[in-house]
Amino acid sequence: MPLRASALGFLLALFTSLAAVAQETVQDAQQDTVDEASDPHGDHPHAGIAADTSALPLEELQMFADVFNQIRQGYVESVPDSKLFELAVQGMLSGLDPHSVFLKEKAFDSLQETTKGEFSGLGIEIGQDRGYVTIIAPIDGSPAEAAGLEAGDVILKIDGESVRDLPVNKSVELMRGPTGSEVLLTIGRRGVADPFDVSVIRDIIKVPSVRSRELMEGYLWLRASQFQRDTGQEAIAKIESALSEGPLEGIVLDLRNNPGGVLGASVDMAGAFLDGGLVVYTEGRHPQSKDRFEATPGDMIEEVPIVVLINGGSASASEIVAGALQDRRRAVIMGTRSFGKGSVQTILPVTDTRAVKLTTALYYTPNGRSIQAEGIVPDIVVERAEVKSVESNRRTKEADLQGSLSGGDPADSQSESEALTELRNSDNQLYEALTLLRGINLLSPQSAADSESMAEAESSEAQTTESGEA
């Protein structure tokens, strides 16, 4: 009994001192909006969450003290007390949800690296599903993408060691390493009977968070692979550059396999297409976990139609953008249901080199929909598919008939270009998004007015010609 009382007293003193330290250090806490990204320079809506020590459960603490002492005295090998406490904290957090973890120095550093857009690793965003490490999405241009890893793949082993029930941050540590070194992943994939090995060479992952190109004249493809600190501003710069070359007829915002990132960047991006108003809000148990994030006034491309592409690899910050534009009726959401990662993680430093990443709130779209576990359901479902034409070019047409009347010059401009045919065959979702934008513009009042003006001009020209001939 004296030993139990001593252990309990030690734990009470320890927890009290830890609470005091936490209350001091948490003032510098910073928000993490996805599994592996935080915003060290962003405003933190939960800063100053104080530790509550008013009702420590003495009976449960006594049980913890008993188990702690049993391990100290009876475990086959001697384990330092600091290690036991660290394991206890890890277990306590891992039992809450897949995203709450204890970050030691290496993991804490890697968390900061991700938001800078550069680190040495494989280039995959991962989560945990029923104890298995699952790939949410490979990063564009990464060694993981080059090796053929796909969203939804399950990592069974890393260098021959099982990672079942291993915390996400531990798996990240195993996969990151020196540039040029090799890591062997054992992969399970839906539709493939047996697990298979994939060798990936680690490299510096420099992630260009935003890319763009013109799909056809006036139609811009804007791709965000993840949300880093400056992703919103990068997207705005891409749009401004496109506008400087001529008016835009439509934008495809491609958020497929975008695992999320920094909250502020997603608000900036959504704000480029919204004239102020609510983008997202958070709700949690603590009063300071309640916050609202508004777009800055001024839509950069007012009345220009937008299609947002999402899929099962679109998570967190990308779901915030899609949900805001959908609720505000500013864009058509196309693709497949998103991942459903709608929880807020707050980074709470406990020492200079260690921190707790704790789920503190849930995200809600402007209309009050929770993203968590539900995801964003697209307005138009288009699954990724291999497209094969069933229309034969050899079919006989009127023009092929002997003695058929001529209708003038053939309308070659109405046939699909080679580039569009290639797009349809290589990426049917992007092709459908572009087709929808073109259809919207064909039926828009401006297009109708242009058609009427053209018809009037042609009529006037015809009348002038007839008068001249008379």
Protein backbone atom coordinates (compact mmCIF):
# COMPACT_ATOMS: atom_id res chain seq x y z
CA MET A 1 0.00 0.00 0.00
CA PRO A 2 2.77 2.56 0.77
CA LEU A 3 4.19 1.87 -2.67
CA ARG A 4 0.79 2.45 -4.32
CA ALA A 5 0.27 5.67 -2.36
CA SER A 6 3.75 6.86 -3.25
CA ALA A 7 3.19 6.10 -6.92
CA LEU A 8 -0.19 7.85 -6.88
CA GLY A 9 1.29 10.91 -5.21
CA PHE A 10 4.08 10.97 -7.77
CA LEU A 11 1.58 10.81 -10.63
CA LEU A 12 -0.64 13.54 -9.16
CA ALA A 13 2.37 15.83 -8.79
CA LEU A 14 3.50 14.97 -12.30
CA PHE A 15 0.12 15.62 -13.92
CA THR A 16 -0.26 18.89 -12.05
CA SER A 17 3.15 20.10 -13.20
CA LEU A 18 2.49 18.95 -16.76
CA ALA A 19 -0.79 20.85 -16.77
CA ALA A 20 1.00 24.01 -15.66
CA VAL A 21 3.62 23.59 -18.40
CA ALA A 22 0.93 22.91 -20.97
CA GLN A 23 -0.98 26.03 -19.95
CA GLU A 24 2.14 28.14 -20.54
CA THR A 25 3.32 26.55 -23.79
CA VAL A 26 -0.04 26.13 -25.46
CA GLN A 27 -0.22 29.88 -26.05
CA ASP A 28 2.04 29.26 -29.05
CA ALA A 29 -0.06 26.40 -30.43
CA GLN A 30 -0.65 26.32 -34.15
CA GLN A 31 -3.35 24.66 -36.19
CA ASP A 32 -2.99 21.55 -38.34
CA THR A 33 -5.72 21.09 -40.89
CA VAL A 34 -4.75 17.63 -42.22
CA ASP A 35 -2.85 14.55 -41.15
CA GLU A 36 0.63 15.76 -42.01
CA ALA A 37 0.45 19.56 -42.37
CA SER A 38 0.40 22.50 -39.97
CA ASP A 39 0.49 26.24 -40.39
CA PRO A 40 3.26 27.65 -38.21
CA HIS A 41 2.50 31.20 -39.29
CA GLY A 42 -1.28 31.12 -39.44
CA ASP A 43 -3.72 32.48 -36.87
CA HIS A 44 -4.68 29.72 -34.53
CA PRO A 45 -8.35 29.71 -33.49
CA HIS A 46 -7.70 27.53 -30.45
CA ALA A 47 -4.61 29.23 -29.03
CA GLY A 48 -4.76 29.55 -25.29
CA ILE A 49 -6.74 26.38 -24.55
CA ALA A 50 -5.97 25.92 -20.89
CA ALA A 51 -5.52 22.57 -19.19
CA ASP A 52 -8.40 21.62 -16.86
CA THR A 53 -7.11 20.01 -13.68
CA SER A 54 -10.22 20.55 -11.56
CA ALA A 55 -11.39 16.95 -11.56
CA LEU A 56 -8.58 14.43 -11.89
CA PRO A 57 -10.06 10.89 -11.66
CA LEU A 58 -8.26 9.53 -8.57
CA GLU A 59 -9.50 5.94 -8.91
CA GLU A 60 -8.35 5.72 -12.53
CA LEU A 61 -5.04 7.38 -11.65
CA GLN A 62 -4.54 4.78 -8.94
CA MET A 63 -5.12 2.01 -11.49
CA PHE A 64 -2.63 3.69 -13.84
CA ALA A 65 -0.10 3.90 -11.01
CA ASP A 66 -0.56 0.19 -10.25
CA VAL A 67 -0.01 -0.82 -13.89
CA PHE A 68 2.94 1.56 -14.14
CA ASN A 69 4.63 -0.04 -11.12
CA GLN A 70 3.88 -3.56 -12.29
CA ILE A 71 5.70 -2.82 -15.54
CA ARG A 72 8.61 -1.15 -13.75
CA GLN A 73 9.08 -4.12 -11.44
CA GLY A 74 8.08 -7.12 -13.54
CA TYR A 75 8.73 -6.47 -17.22
CA VAL A 76 11.40 -8.75 -18.69
CA GLU A 77 13.67 -5.80 -19.47
CA SER A 78 14.27 -2.59 -17.57
CA VAL A 79 12.42 0.32 -19.18
CA PRO A 80 13.17 3.95 -18.21
CA ASP A 81 10.27 5.80 -16.59
CA SER A 82 10.45 8.45 -19.33
CA LYS A 83 9.93 5.77 -21.96
CA LEU A 84 6.93 4.31 -20.10
CA PHE A 85 5.28 7.72 -19.86
CA GLU A 86 5.92 8.34 -23.54
CA LEU A 87 4.31 5.01 -24.45
CA ALA A 88 1.36 5.82 -22.19
CA VAL A 89 0.81 9.15 -23.94
CA GLN A 90 1.06 7.52 -27.36
CA GLY A 91 -1.48 4.89 -26.42
CA MET A 92 -3.84 7.45 -24.92
CA LEU A 93 -3.86 9.54 -28.10
CA SER A 94 -3.97 6.67 -30.60
CA GLY A 95 -7.12 5.39 -28.89
CA LEU A 96 -8.98 8.63 -29.61
CA ASP A 97 -8.99 8.86 -33.42
CA PRO A 98 -6.61 8.24 -36.35
CA HIS A 99 -5.30 11.82 -36.39
CA SER A 100 -4.48 12.50 -32.73
CA VAL A 101 -0.82 11.61 -32.11
CA PHE A 102 2.17 12.38 -29.91
CA LEU A 103 4.92 14.11 -31.90
CA LYS A 104 8.51 13.60 -30.90
CA GLU A 105 11.29 15.79 -32.23
CA LYS A 106 11.71 14.04 -35.60
CA ALA A 107 7.97 13.87 -36.30
CA PHE A 108 7.49 17.46 -35.14
CA ASP A 109 10.21 18.63 -37.53
CA SER A 110 8.77 16.66 -40.44
CA LEU A 111 5.37 18.21 -39.74
CA GLN A 112 6.88 21.65 -40.18
CA GLU A 113 8.72 20.57 -43.34
CA THR A 114 5.54 19.52 -45.09
CA THR A 115 4.04 23.00 -45.05
CA LYS A 116 7.22 24.39 -46.63
CA GLY A 117 6.71 22.09 -49.61
CA GLU A 118 10.07 20.31 -49.34
CA PHE A 119 11.16 17.15 -47.55
CA SER A 120 13.02 13.91 -48.24
CA GLY A 121 10.72 10.93 -48.60
CA LEU A 122 8.40 9.03 -50.92
CA GLY A 123 5.75 11.65 -51.61
CA ILE A 124 2.56 10.05 -50.30
CA GLU A 125 -0.14 11.22 -47.93
CA ILE A 126 -1.26 8.42 -45.61
CA GLY A 127 -3.98 7.71 -43.07
CA GLN A 128 -5.06 4.75 -40.98
CA ASP A 129 -8.11 2.58 -41.60
CA ARG A 130 -8.96 -0.25 -39.17
CA GLY A 131 -5.32 -0.48 -38.13
CA TYR A 132 -3.91 -0.48 -41.66
CA VAL A 133 -1.78 2.29 -43.14
CA THR A 134 -3.65 3.46 -46.23
CA ILE A 135 -2.45 5.75 -49.01
CA ILE A 136 -4.78 8.73 -49.32
CA ALA A 137 -2.98 10.04 -52.40
CA PRO A 138 0.47 10.08 -54.01
CA ILE A 139 1.86 13.58 -54.50
CA ASP A 140 2.16 14.73 -58.10
CA GLY A 141 5.62 14.11 -59.57
CA SER A 142 6.81 12.14 -56.53
CA PRO A 143 8.81 8.86 -56.40
CA ALA A 144 5.65 7.19 -55.07
CA GLU A 145 3.67 8.23 -58.15
CA ALA A 146 6.50 7.12 -60.45
CA ALA A 147 6.57 3.74 -58.70
CA GLY A 148 2.88 3.23 -59.45
CA LEU A 149 1.42 3.63 -55.96
CA GLU A 150 -2.27 4.59 -55.99
CA ALA A 151 -4.86 6.16 -53.71
CA GLY A 152 -6.49 3.39 -51.67
CA ASP A 153 -3.42 1.12 -51.61
CA VAL A 154 -2.78 -0.46 -48.20
CA ILE A 155 0.81 -0.55 -46.91
CA LEU A 156 1.21 -3.91 -45.19
CA LYS A 157 4.96 -3.84 -44.54
CA ILE A 158 7.81 -1.34 -44.68
CA ASP A 159 11.18 -2.95 -45.36
CA GLY A 160 9.75 -6.31 -44.37
CA GLU A 161 8.29 -5.17 -41.03
CA SER A 162 4.54 -5.20 -40.49
CA VAL A 163 2.98 -1.79 -39.83
CA ARG A 164 -0.40 -3.11 -38.69
CA ASP A 165 -1.66 -0.88 -35.84
CA LEU A 166 1.46 1.30 -36.09
CA PRO A 167 0.62 4.99 -35.51
CA VAL A 168 0.65 7.14 -38.64
CA ASN A 169 3.53 9.29 -37.41
CA LYS A 170 5.65 6.17 -36.83
CA SER A 171 4.93 4.98 -40.36
CA VAL A 172 5.93 8.41 -41.70
CA GLU A 173 9.23 8.19 -39.81
CA LEU A 174 9.97 4.78 -41.36
CA MET A 175 9.29 6.01 -44.89
CA ARG A 176 11.27 9.24 -44.66
CA GLY A 177 15.04 9.07 -44.86
CA PRO A 178 18.17 10.15 -46.70
CA THR A 179 17.82 11.14 -50.34
CA GLY A 180 18.72 8.27 -52.67
CA SER A 181 18.05 5.52 -50.15
CA GLU A 182 15.60 2.73 -50.96
CA VAL A 183 12.48 1.62 -49.11
CA LEU A 184 10.55 -1.56 -49.87
CA LEU A 185 6.79 -1.42 -49.42
CA THR A 186 4.52 -4.46 -49.39
CA ILE A 187 1.23 -3.33 -50.89
CA GLY A 188 -2.30 -4.68 -50.80
CA ARG A 189 -4.56 -3.40 -53.57
CA ARG A 190 -8.25 -3.86 -54.17
CA GLY A 191 -8.81 -6.18 -57.11
CA VAL A 192 -5.33 -7.74 -56.84
CA ALA A 193 -5.38 -11.17 -55.22
CA ASP A 194 -1.95 -11.21 -53.57
CA PRO A 195 0.17 -8.54 -51.88
CA PHE A 196 3.11 -7.31 -53.96
CA ASP A 197 6.32 -5.41 -53.29
CA VAL A 198 7.10 -1.94 -54.58
CA SER A 199 10.59 -0.46 -54.34
CA VAL A 200 10.71 3.33 -54.00
CA ILE A 201 13.83 5.53 -53.96
CA ARG A 202 13.58 8.42 -51.52
CA ASP A 203 14.08 11.86 -52.97
CA ILE A 204 13.61 15.51 -52.11
CA ILE A 205 9.91 16.12 -52.54
CA LYS A 206 9.55 19.63 -53.92
CA VAL A 207 5.86 19.96 -54.34
CA PRO A 208 4.63 22.56 -56.82
CA SER A 209 1.30 23.06 -55.12
CA VAL A 210 -0.40 24.74 -58.12
CA ARG A 211 -0.10 24.05 -61.84
CA SER A 212 -2.16 25.30 -64.76
CA ARG A 213 -2.57 25.02 -68.51
CA GLU A 214 -5.01 26.09 -71.19
CA LEU A 215 -7.29 23.21 -72.19
CA MET A 216 -8.56 25.20 -75.16
CA GLU A 217 -8.85 28.91 -75.83
CA GLY A 218 -10.36 30.64 -72.81
CA TYR A 219 -10.61 27.48 -70.65
CA LEU A 220 -8.10 27.14 -67.81
CA TRP A 221 -7.15 23.96 -65.95
CA LEU A 222 -6.01 24.86 -62.42
CA ARG A 223 -4.53 21.97 -60.42
CA ALA A 224 -3.78 22.15 -56.68
CA SER A 225 -1.94 19.02 -55.49
CA GLN A 226 -2.02 20.03 -51.80
CA PHE A 227 -2.48 23.14 -49.69
CA GLN A 228 0.79 24.64 -48.53
CA ARG A 229 1.18 28.05 -46.91
CA ASP A 230 1.13 29.98 -50.19
CA THR A 231 -1.12 27.74 -52.31
CA GLY A 232 -4.01 30.19 -52.30
CA GLN A 233 -1.77 33.04 -53.43
CA GLU A 234 -0.17 30.80 -56.08
CA ALA A 235 -3.61 30.00 -57.49
CA ILE A 236 -4.51 33.68 -57.57
CA ALA A 237 -1.27 34.44 -59.44
CA LYS A 238 -2.04 31.72 -62.01
CA ILE A 239 -5.50 33.18 -62.62
CA GLU A 240 -4.12 36.71 -62.93
CA SER A 241 -1.55 35.48 -65.46
CA ALA A 242 -4.26 33.76 -67.51
CA LEU A 243 -6.44 36.88 -67.43
CA SER A 244 -3.55 38.99 -68.69
CA GLU A 245 -3.51 36.87 -71.86
CA GLY A 246 -7.23 37.21 -72.55
CA PRO A 247 -10.70 36.70 -71.07
CA LEU A 248 -11.55 33.38 -69.41
CA GLU A 249 -14.56 31.34 -70.50
CA GLY A 250 -14.32 28.80 -67.68
CA ILE A 251 -12.07 27.18 -65.06
CA VAL A 252 -11.65 23.54 -64.09
CA LEU A 253 -10.35 23.51 -60.51
CA ASP A 254 -8.78 20.06 -60.13
CA LEU A 255 -8.65 18.92 -56.49
CA ARG A 256 -8.51 15.19 -57.17
CA ASN A 257 -6.11 13.33 -54.85
CA ASN A 258 -5.48 16.57 -52.98
CA PRO A 259 -4.99 15.46 -49.35
CA GLY A 260 -5.48 18.95 -47.92
CA GLY A 261 -3.05 21.10 -45.96
CA VAL A 262 -3.06 24.56 -44.46
CA LEU A 263 -6.48 25.96 -43.63
CA GLY A 264 -5.62 29.56 -44.50
CA ALA A 265 -4.58 28.54 -48.02
CA SER A 266 -7.93 26.85 -48.66
CA VAL A 267 -9.78 29.96 -47.47
CA ASP A 268 -7.61 32.10 -49.79
CA MET A 269 -8.35 29.85 -52.75
CA ALA A 270 -12.10 29.75 -52.13
CA GLY A 271 -12.00 33.52 -51.62
CA ALA A 272 -10.64 34.01 -55.14
CA PHE A 273 -13.98 32.77 -56.50
CA LEU A 274 -16.32 34.26 -53.86
CA ASP A 275 -17.37 37.83 -53.21
CA GLY A 276 -16.81 37.68 -49.46
CA GLY A 277 -18.98 35.64 -47.12
CA LEU A 278 -18.51 32.44 -45.13
CA VAL A 279 -16.13 29.74 -46.38
CA VAL A 280 -16.03 27.34 -43.41
CA TYR A 281 -16.62 27.28 -39.67
CA THR A 282 -15.46 25.02 -36.87
CA GLU A 283 -17.28 23.61 -33.85
CA GLY A 284 -15.76 21.79 -30.88
CA ARG A 285 -16.29 21.12 -27.19
CA HIS A 286 -14.07 23.97 -26.05
CA PRO A 287 -15.43 27.51 -26.60
CA GLN A 288 -12.20 28.55 -28.34
CA SER A 289 -12.61 25.78 -30.92
CA LYS A 290 -15.54 27.68 -32.45
CA ASP A 291 -14.45 29.92 -35.31
CA ARG A 292 -15.60 31.30 -38.67
CA PHE A 293 -13.46 31.91 -41.76
CA GLU A 294 -14.65 34.48 -44.30
CA ALA A 295 -13.57 35.13 -47.89
CA THR A 296 -12.18 38.52 -48.80
CA PRO A 297 -14.61 40.63 -50.87
CA GLY A 298 -14.22 40.55 -54.64
CA ASP A 299 -14.66 37.60 -57.02
CA MET A 300 -11.66 37.56 -59.38
CA ILE A 301 -13.63 36.00 -62.24
CA GLU A 302 -17.22 37.05 -61.61
CA GLU A 303 -19.76 35.11 -63.72
CA VAL A 304 -17.07 32.85 -65.22
CA PRO A 305 -18.32 29.25 -64.71
CA ILE A 306 -16.27 26.86 -62.57
CA VAL A 307 -16.22 23.07 -62.32
CA VAL A 308 -14.43 21.53 -59.32
CA LEU A 309 -13.13 17.97 -59.75
CA ILE A 310 -12.92 15.80 -56.62
CA ASN A 311 -12.50 12.11 -55.81
CA GLY A 312 -11.84 9.76 -52.91
CA GLY A 313 -8.35 11.21 -52.48
CA SER A 314 -9.65 14.77 -51.95
CA ALA A 315 -9.50 15.47 -48.22
CA SER A 316 -9.64 18.18 -45.58
CA ALA A 317 -8.70 21.58 -47.05
CA SER A 318 -9.70 20.50 -50.57
CA GLU A 319 -13.09 19.46 -49.17
CA ILE A 320 -13.41 22.89 -47.55
CA VAL A 321 -12.97 24.58 -50.94
CA ALA A 322 -15.35 22.20 -52.72
CA GLY A 323 -17.97 22.45 -49.96
CA ALA A 324 -17.85 26.26 -49.86
CA LEU A 325 -18.18 26.66 -53.64
CA GLN A 326 -20.97 24.08 -53.72
CA ASP A 327 -22.98 25.63 -50.88
CA ARG A 328 -22.52 29.13 -52.25
CA ARG A 329 -23.63 27.89 -55.71
CA ARG A 330 -20.47 29.23 -57.28
CA ALA A 331 -19.26 26.01 -58.90
CA VAL A 332 -20.46 22.63 -60.11
CA ILE A 333 -18.78 19.81 -58.20
CA MET A 334 -17.97 16.83 -60.41
CA GLY A 335 -16.29 13.47 -59.87
CA THR A 336 -16.77 11.05 -56.97
CA ARG A 337 -17.40 11.43 -53.23
CA SER A 338 -14.44 12.93 -51.36
CA PHE A 339 -12.48 11.34 -48.49
CA GLY A 340 -14.40 12.85 -45.57
CA LYS A 341 -11.59 14.17 -43.37
CA GLY A 342 -13.43 17.01 -41.66
CA SER A 343 -11.70 17.23 -38.29
CA VAL A 344 -9.39 19.97 -37.01
CA GLN A 345 -6.06 19.05 -35.43
CA THR A 346 -4.36 21.51 -33.11
CA ILE A 347 -0.62 21.34 -32.44
CA LEU A 348 -0.10 21.76 -28.70
CA PRO A 349 3.60 22.05 -27.75
CA VAL A 350 4.51 20.37 -24.44
CA THR A 351 8.28 20.99 -24.68
CA ASP A 352 10.57 22.70 -27.17
CA THR A 353 10.85 19.53 -29.24
CA ARG A 354 7.66 17.61 -28.54
CA ALA A 355 4.02 18.28 -29.11
CA VAL A 356 0.58 16.74 -29.10
CA LYS A 357 -1.49 16.82 -32.27
CA LEU A 358 -5.02 16.70 -30.94
CA THR A 359 -8.38 16.66 -32.72
CA THR A 360 -10.20 19.66 -31.28
CA ALA A 361 -13.07 20.50 -33.66
CA LEU A 362 -14.99 19.59 -36.81
CA TYR A 363 -15.32 21.53 -40.06
CA TYR A 364 -18.72 22.63 -41.36
CA THR A 365 -19.58 24.03 -44.79
CA PRO A 366 -21.43 27.38 -45.03
CA ASN A 367 -24.79 25.52 -45.04
CA GLY A 368 -23.89 23.65 -41.86
CA ARG A 369 -22.91 20.29 -43.36
CA SER A 370 -20.26 18.30 -41.50
CA ILE A 371 -17.49 17.06 -43.76
CA GLN A 372 -16.34 14.43 -41.25
CA ALA A 373 -16.82 10.86 -42.51
CA GLU A 374 -19.43 12.11 -45.00
CA GLY A 375 -17.23 13.90 -47.49
CA ILE A 376 -18.49 16.09 -50.30
CA VAL A 377 -20.99 14.45 -52.65
CA PRO A 378 -20.52 15.78 -56.21
CA ASP A 379 -23.39 17.45 -58.05
CA ILE A 380 -22.56 15.32 -61.08
CA VAL A 381 -21.04 11.88 -60.50
CA VAL A 382 -18.40 10.99 -63.08
CA GLU A 383 -16.19 8.02 -62.28
CA ARG A 384 -12.73 7.65 -63.77
CA ALA A 385 -13.11 5.26 -66.68
CA GLU A 386 -11.51 4.06 -69.85
CA VAL A 387 -13.44 5.55 -72.76
CA LYS A 388 -13.85 3.59 -75.96
CA SER A 389 -15.79 4.96 -78.91
CA VAL A 390 -18.58 2.78 -80.31
CA GLU A 391 -19.30 5.16 -83.22
CA SER A 392 -17.81 3.91 -86.45
CA ASN A 393 -16.14 6.43 -88.76
CA ARG A 394 -16.95 4.12 -91.66
CA ARG A 395 -20.70 4.63 -91.38
CA THR A 396 -22.23 5.98 -94.60
CA LYS A 397 -23.33 9.62 -94.46
CA GLU A 398 -25.43 11.77 -96.82
CA ALA A 399 -22.32 13.26 -98.34
CA ASP A 400 -21.18 9.76 -99.36
CA LEU A 401 -24.28 9.09 -101.48
CA GLN A 402 -23.90 9.36 -105.23
CA GLY A 403 -25.47 12.54 -106.58
CA SER A 404 -26.05 14.08 -103.13
CA LEU A 405 -26.49 17.86 -103.02
CA SER A 406 -23.63 19.94 -101.72
CA GLY A 407 -24.20 21.89 -98.53
CA GLY A 408 -21.27 24.20 -99.05
CA ASP A 409 -17.90 24.00 -97.31
CA PRO A 410 -17.72 21.18 -94.73
CA ALA A 411 -17.96 22.38 -91.15
CA ASP A 412 -14.56 21.09 -90.07
CA SER A 413 -14.61 23.43 -87.09
CA GLN A 414 -17.45 21.40 -85.57
CA SER A 415 -15.42 18.18 -85.39
CA GLU A 416 -13.52 17.40 -82.21
CA SER A 417 -9.88 18.42 -82.24
CA GLU A 418 -7.12 15.88 -81.86
CA ALA A 419 -6.18 17.38 -78.48
CA LEU A 420 -9.72 17.01 -77.15
CA THR A 421 -9.91 13.44 -78.40
CA GLU A 422 -6.68 12.68 -76.54
CA LEU A 423 -8.07 14.33 -73.40
CA ARG A 424 -11.27 12.27 -73.62
CA ASN A 425 -9.25 9.07 -73.89
CA SER A 426 -6.70 9.91 -71.20
CA ASP A 427 -8.80 11.70 -68.56
CA ASN A 428 -12.54 11.33 -69.03
CA GLN A 429 -13.36 13.30 -65.87
CA LEU A 430 -11.43 16.36 -67.01
CA TYR A 431 -12.96 16.01 -70.47
CA GLU A 432 -16.48 15.95 -69.00
CA ALA A 433 -15.70 19.02 -66.87
CA LEU A 434 -14.54 20.93 -69.94
CA THR A 435 -17.59 19.77 -71.92
CA LEU A 436 -19.89 21.02 -69.16
CA LEU A 437 -18.22 24.44 -69.11
CA ARG A 438 -18.57 24.75 -72.89
CA GLY A 439 -22.24 23.75 -72.63
CA ILE A 440 -22.89 26.36 -69.93
CA ASN A 441 -21.35 29.05 -72.13
CA LEU A 442 -23.36 27.98 -75.17
CA LEU A 443 -26.59 28.60 -73.26
CA SER A 444 -25.50 31.70 -71.36
CA PRO A 445 -27.26 35.03 -72.08
CA GLN A 446 -23.97 36.50 -73.31
CA SER A 447 -23.53 33.70 -75.85
CA ALA A 448 -27.12 34.17 -77.02
CA ALA A 449 -26.53 37.91 -77.42
CA ASP A 450 -23.33 37.25 -79.38
CA SER A 451 -25.23 34.84 -81.65
CA GLU A 452 -27.98 37.41 -82.26
CA SER A 453 -25.40 40.11 -83.04
CA MET A 454 -23.67 37.77 -85.47
CA ALA A 455 -27.00 36.90 -87.14
CA GLU A 456 -27.90 40.59 -87.47
CA ALA A 457 -24.50 41.35 -88.96
CA GLU A 458 -24.87 38.52 -91.47
CA SER A 459 -28.39 39.70 -92.37
CA SER A 460 -27.20 43.27 -92.84
CA GLU A 461 -24.32 42.07 -95.02
CA ALA A 462 -26.72 39.98 -97.13
CA GLN A 463 -29.07 42.96 -97.64
CA THR A 464 -26.18 45.18 -98.67
CA THR A 465 -25.01 42.61 -101.20
CA GLU A 466 -28.50 42.23 -102.65
CA SER A 467 -28.85 46.03 -102.98
CA GLY A 468 -25.57 46.26 -104.74
CA GLU A 469 -26.53 43.57 -107.19
CA ALA A 470 -29.86 45.31 -107.94
